[in-house]
Amino acid sequence: MIGLNHYLIFSAILFTLGLYGVLTKRNAIALLMSLELLFNGVTVSVVAVARYTTPLNLDGGSVESLLTGQIFAMFIICIAAAEIALGLAIVILLYRGQATVDVGEASLMRR
């Protein structure tokens, strides 16, 4: 049976892979993908903790407390989508200006 520990270990692995990518990659596209791994790791842990720490009320009670993690996950997904849209716009401008997507070359665009 899959429990809370399994989800938390999975989310920690996703977060660690994303953090490794953010710290080591110089390609802007790989950097954005690593940021998405970070967001996904956090989202998995938030939903898992919300599911396993909230007791189920089978007596027809309120489900508002059960949806807290899912609402927070939707908020994280919306923020991630906006971050990716802005990040891709910056990558396109970087490629147009320098003909490369290397993050180290971005400092050459200063005037």
C-alpha atoms as a PDB file:
ATOM      1  CA  MET A   1       0.000   0.000   0.000  1.00  0.00           C
ATOM      2  CA  ILE A   2       1.275   3.436  -0.917  1.00  0.00           C
ATOM      3  CA  GLY A   3       1.373   5.757   2.060  1.00  0.00           C
ATOM      4  CA  LEU A   4       2.352   9.314   2.814  1.00  0.00           C
ATOM      5  CA  ASN A   5       6.047   8.434   3.098  1.00  0.00           C
ATOM      6  CA  HIS A   6       6.129   7.162  -0.481  1.00  0.00           C
ATOM      7  CA  TYR A   7       4.679  10.404  -1.817  1.00  0.00           C
ATOM      8  CA  LEU A   8       7.023  12.517   0.287  1.00  0.00           C
ATOM      9  CA  ILE A   9      10.050  10.535  -0.879  1.00  0.00           C
ATOM     10  CA  PHE A  10       8.914  10.910  -4.494  1.00  0.00           C
ATOM     11  CA  SER A  11       8.413  14.656  -4.067  1.00  0.00           C
ATOM     12  CA  ALA A  12      11.827  14.982  -2.393  1.00  0.00           C
ATOM     13  CA  ILE A  13      13.434  13.180  -5.345  1.00  0.00           C
ATOM     14  CA  LEU A  14      11.671  15.505  -7.810  1.00  0.00           C
ATOM     15  CA  PHE A  15      12.686  18.561  -5.813  1.00  0.00           C
ATOM     16  CA  THR A  16      16.298  17.374  -5.540  1.00  0.00           C
ATOM     17  CA  LEU A  17      16.536  16.700  -9.280  1.00  0.00           C
ATOM     18  CA  GLY A  18      15.102  20.140  -9.981  1.00  0.00           C
ATOM     19  CA  LEU A  19      17.496  21.813  -7.550  1.00  0.00           C
ATOM     20  CA  TYR A  20      20.448  19.988  -9.110  1.00  0.00           C
ATOM     21  CA  GLY A  21      19.339  21.163 -12.548  1.00  0.00           C
ATOM     22  CA  VAL A  22      18.932  24.763 -11.428  1.00  0.00           C
ATOM     23  CA  LEU A  23      22.376  24.828  -9.856  1.00  0.00           C
ATOM     24  CA  THR A  24      24.278  23.093 -12.667  1.00  0.00           C
ATOM     25  CA  LYS A  25      22.606  23.861 -16.008  1.00  0.00           C
ATOM     26  CA  ARG A  26      23.592  26.819 -18.144  1.00  0.00           C
ATOM     27  CA  ASN A  27      21.030  26.278 -20.894  1.00  0.00           C
ATOM     28  CA  ALA A  28      17.959  28.444 -20.293  1.00  0.00           C
ATOM     29  CA  ILE A  29      15.503  25.780 -21.494  1.00  0.00           C
ATOM     30  CA  ALA A  30      16.996  23.168 -19.151  1.00  0.00           C
ATOM     31  CA  LEU A  31      16.878  25.729 -16.366  1.00  0.00           C
ATOM     32  CA  LEU A  32      13.155  26.293 -16.923  1.00  0.00           C
ATOM     33  CA  MET A  33      12.537  22.541 -16.968  1.00  0.00           C
ATOM     34  CA  SER A  34      14.403  22.220 -13.677  1.00  0.00           C
ATOM     35  CA  LEU A  35      12.242  24.936 -12.172  1.00  0.00           C
ATOM     36  CA  GLU A  36       9.178  22.976 -13.237  1.00  0.00           C
ATOM     37  CA  LEU A  37      10.566  19.911 -11.444  1.00  0.00           C
ATOM     38  CA  LEU A  38      10.910  22.029  -8.312  1.00  0.00           C
ATOM     39  CA  PHE A  39       7.297  23.173  -8.583  1.00  0.00           C
ATOM     40  CA  ASN A  40       6.047  19.638  -9.247  1.00  0.00           C
ATOM     41  CA  GLY A  41       7.891  18.278  -6.223  1.00  0.00           C
ATOM     42  CA  VAL A  42       6.268  20.865  -3.995  1.00  0.00           C
ATOM     43  CA  THR A  43       2.844  20.239  -5.537  1.00  0.00           C
ATOM     44  CA  VAL A  44       3.027  16.485  -4.946  1.00  0.00           C
ATOM     45  CA  SER A  45       4.002  16.980  -1.320  1.00  0.00           C
ATOM     46  CA  VAL A  46       1.256  19.556  -0.675  1.00  0.00           C
ATOM     47  CA  VAL A  47      -1.476  17.347  -2.116  1.00  0.00           C
ATOM     48  CA  ALA A  48      -0.187  14.242  -0.320  1.00  0.00           C
ATOM     49  CA  VAL A  49       0.038  15.964   3.050  1.00  0.00           C
ATOM     50  CA  ALA A  50      -3.422  17.475   2.618  1.00  0.00           C
ATOM     51  CA  ARG A  51      -4.858  14.072   1.758  1.00  0.00           C
ATOM     52  CA  TYR A  52      -3.201  12.030   4.476  1.00  0.00           C
ATOM     53  CA  THR A  53      -3.412  14.495   7.367  1.00  0.00           C
ATOM     54  CA  THR A  54      -7.081  15.423   6.930  1.00  0.00           C
ATOM     55  CA  PRO A  55      -9.410  12.802   8.406  1.00  0.00           C
ATOM     56  CA  LEU A  56     -12.165  11.607   6.115  1.00  0.00           C
ATOM     57  CA  ASN A  57     -15.621  12.589   7.309  1.00  0.00           C
ATOM     58  CA  LEU A  58     -17.974   9.967   5.938  1.00  0.00           C
ATOM     59  CA  ASP A  59     -21.000  11.313   7.794  1.00  0.00           C
ATOM     60  CA  GLY A  60     -21.881  13.766   5.055  1.00  0.00           C
ATOM     61  CA  GLY A  61     -19.784  16.532   6.574  1.00  0.00           C
ATOM     62  CA  SER A  62     -17.909  19.317   4.863  1.00  0.00           C
ATOM     63  CA  VAL A  63     -15.271  18.503   2.260  1.00  0.00           C
ATOM     64  CA  GLU A  64     -13.702  21.955   2.408  1.00  0.00           C
ATOM     65  CA  SER A  65     -10.751  20.725   4.437  1.00  0.00           C
ATOM     66  CA  LEU A  66     -10.131  17.929   1.931  1.00  0.00           C
ATOM     67  CA  LEU A  67      -9.823  20.400  -0.929  1.00  0.00           C
ATOM     68  CA  THR A  68      -7.255  22.661   0.724  1.00  0.00           C
ATOM     69  CA  GLY A  69      -4.282  20.829  -0.785  1.00  0.00           C
ATOM     70  CA  GLN A  70      -5.893  20.637  -4.209  1.00  0.00           C
ATOM     71  CA  ILE A  71      -6.681  24.358  -4.218  1.00  0.00           C
ATOM     72  CA  PHE A  72      -3.112  25.149  -3.206  1.00  0.00           C
ATOM     73  CA  ALA A  73      -1.858  22.820  -5.967  1.00  0.00           C
ATOM     74  CA  MET A  74      -3.965  24.662  -8.550  1.00  0.00           C
ATOM     75  CA  PHE A  75      -2.463  27.935  -7.322  1.00  0.00           C
ATOM     76  CA  ILE A  76       1.057  26.490  -7.746  1.00  0.00           C
ATOM     77  CA  ILE A  77       0.210  25.273 -11.260  1.00  0.00           C
ATOM     78  CA  CYS A  78      -1.093  28.721 -12.259  1.00  0.00           C
ATOM     79  CA  ILE A  79       2.027  30.429 -10.923  1.00  0.00           C
ATOM     80  CA  ALA A  80       4.215  27.877 -12.751  1.00  0.00           C
ATOM     81  CA  ALA A  81       2.377  28.503 -16.027  1.00  0.00           C
ATOM     82  CA  ALA A  82       2.903  32.255 -15.702  1.00  0.00           C
ATOM     83  CA  GLU A  83       6.567  31.703 -14.823  1.00  0.00           C
ATOM     84  CA  ILE A  84       7.091  29.511 -17.889  1.00  0.00           C
ATOM     85  CA  ALA A  85       5.402  32.032 -20.192  1.00  0.00           C
ATOM     86  CA  LEU A  86       7.609  34.825 -18.887  1.00  0.00           C
ATOM     87  CA  GLY A  87      10.706  32.602 -18.944  1.00  0.00           C
ATOM     88  CA  LEU A  88      10.140  31.546 -22.546  1.00  0.00           C
ATOM     89  CA  ALA A  89       9.690  35.175 -23.567  1.00  0.00           C
ATOM     90  CA  ILE A  90      13.042  35.997 -21.951  1.00  0.00           C
ATOM     91  CA  VAL A  91      14.673  32.997 -23.672  1.00  0.00           C
ATOM     92  CA  ILE A  92      13.337  34.124 -27.055  1.00  0.00           C
ATOM     93  CA  LEU A  93      14.719  37.631 -26.496  1.00  0.00           C
ATOM     94  CA  LEU A  94      18.048  36.181 -25.392  1.00  0.00           C
ATOM     95  CA  TYR A  95      18.220  34.011 -28.511  1.00  0.00           C
ATOM     96  CA  ARG A  96      17.351  36.939 -30.779  1.00  0.00           C
ATOM     97  CA  GLY A  97      19.994  39.141 -29.205  1.00  0.00           C
ATOM     98  CA  GLN A  98      22.865  36.664 -28.786  1.00  0.00           C
ATOM     99  CA  ALA A  99      21.919  33.656 -30.987  1.00  0.00           C
ATOM    100  CA  THR A 100      22.369  31.380 -27.961  1.00  0.00           C
ATOM    101  CA  VAL A 101      20.316  30.256 -24.986  1.00  0.00           C
ATOM    102  CA  ASP A 102      23.287  30.086 -22.618  1.00  0.00           C
ATOM    103  CA  VAL A 103      22.454  31.878 -19.385  1.00  0.00           C
ATOM    104  CA  GLY A 104      26.037  33.095 -19.044  1.00  0.00           C
ATOM    105  CA  GLU A 105      25.663  35.128 -22.221  1.00  0.00           C
ATOM    106  CA  ALA A 106      22.739  37.106 -20.773  1.00  0.00           C
ATOM    107  CA  SER A 107      25.109  39.484 -18.996  1.00  0.00           C
ATOM    108  CA  LEU A 108      26.427  40.583 -22.398  1.00  0.00           C
ATOM    109  CA  MET A 109      23.041  42.122 -23.202  1.00  0.00           C
ATOM    110  CA  ARG A 110      23.546  44.937 -20.637  1.00  0.00           C
ATOM    111  CA  ARG A 111      24.174  48.424 -21.918  1.00  0.00           C
END
